[in-house]
Protein backbone atom coordinates (compact mmCIF):
# COMPACT_ATOMS: atom_id res chain seq x y z
CA VAL A 1 -140.94 56.47 -73.39
CA LEU A 2 -137.35 55.60 -71.08
CA PRO A 3 -137.56 52.74 -68.66
CA ILE A 4 -136.40 53.83 -65.39
CA VAL A 5 -134.97 51.87 -62.80
CA LEU A 6 -133.68 52.54 -59.33
CA TRP A 7 -131.45 50.33 -57.33
CA GLY A 8 -129.03 51.27 -54.54
CA ARG A 9 -125.34 51.11 -54.77
CA ARG A 10 -125.53 47.22 -56.84
CA ALA A 11 -126.87 46.69 -59.64
CA PRO A 12 -128.83 43.48 -60.10
CA THR A 13 -127.03 40.53 -61.64
CA HIS A 14 -128.50 38.88 -64.19
CA CYS A 15 -126.95 35.65 -65.06
CA ILE A 16 -129.69 34.14 -67.26
CA SER A 17 -130.88 30.39 -66.95
CA SER A 18 -133.85 30.33 -68.87
CA LEU A 19 -135.13 32.21 -72.17
CA LEU A 20 -138.13 32.72 -74.21
CA LEU A 21 -138.51 34.31 -77.18
CA MET A 22 -141.86 35.18 -78.42
CA ASP A 23 -144.19 34.32 -81.52
CA ASP A 24 -144.28 37.59 -82.95
CA VAL A 25 -140.47 38.26 -82.45
CA SER A 26 -140.89 41.28 -80.76
CA LEU A 27 -140.14 40.25 -76.91
CA ILE A 28 -137.97 38.21 -75.05
CA VAL A 29 -138.42 37.00 -71.48
CA THR A 30 -135.09 35.86 -69.66
CA GLY A 31 -135.18 34.35 -66.62
CA CYS A 32 -132.18 34.11 -63.99
CA HIS A 33 -130.47 32.00 -61.45
CA ASP A 34 -131.54 34.93 -58.74
CA GLY A 35 -135.44 34.76 -59.61
CA GLN A 36 -135.72 37.77 -61.26
CA ILE A 37 -137.27 37.89 -64.68
CA CYS A 38 -136.61 40.55 -67.50
CA LEU A 39 -139.06 41.84 -70.38
CA TRP A 40 -136.68 42.87 -73.51
CA ASP A 41 -138.48 44.30 -76.53
CA LEU A 42 -136.85 43.75 -79.89
CA SER A 43 -136.28 45.90 -82.80
CA GLY A 44 -137.08 44.42 -86.73
CA ASP A 45 -133.09 46.12 -86.37
CA LEU A 46 -132.12 43.66 -83.87
CA GLU A 47 -131.91 45.76 -81.13
CA ILE A 48 -132.97 44.83 -77.59
CA ASN A 49 -133.90 47.10 -74.85
CA PRO A 50 -135.24 46.62 -71.56
CA ARG A 51 -138.98 46.70 -70.52
CA ALA A 52 -139.24 45.52 -67.11
CA LEU A 53 -137.40 43.41 -64.48
CA LEU A 54 -139.79 41.31 -62.22
CA PHE A 55 -138.69 40.54 -58.79
CA GLY A 56 -139.92 39.29 -55.76
CA HIS A 57 -138.25 35.51 -55.38
CA THR A 58 -134.70 34.28 -55.14
CA ALA A 59 -135.57 30.29 -56.73
CA SER A 60 -133.93 30.37 -60.04
CA VAL A 61 -136.19 30.71 -62.85
CA THR A 62 -135.57 27.35 -64.81
CA CYS A 63 -137.80 27.01 -67.23
CA LEU A 64 -139.98 30.01 -69.16
CA SER A 65 -143.09 29.44 -70.96
CA LYS A 66 -146.25 30.79 -72.82
CA ALA A 67 -149.62 30.78 -70.65
């Protein structure tokens, strides 16, 4: 399965402002100054692949926590 992302003439920026590594070390969550949150899969070989880009607001993501 390959993630497919579509956008306009410019790709969205992702200037990371916060980072969360999950307990099982298979998922990284990053938040950015533009308000986007990105989910990344982390393999055993330390290969990082994007899973999803979540957006919908413009406030900076200053903190991520497990809920």
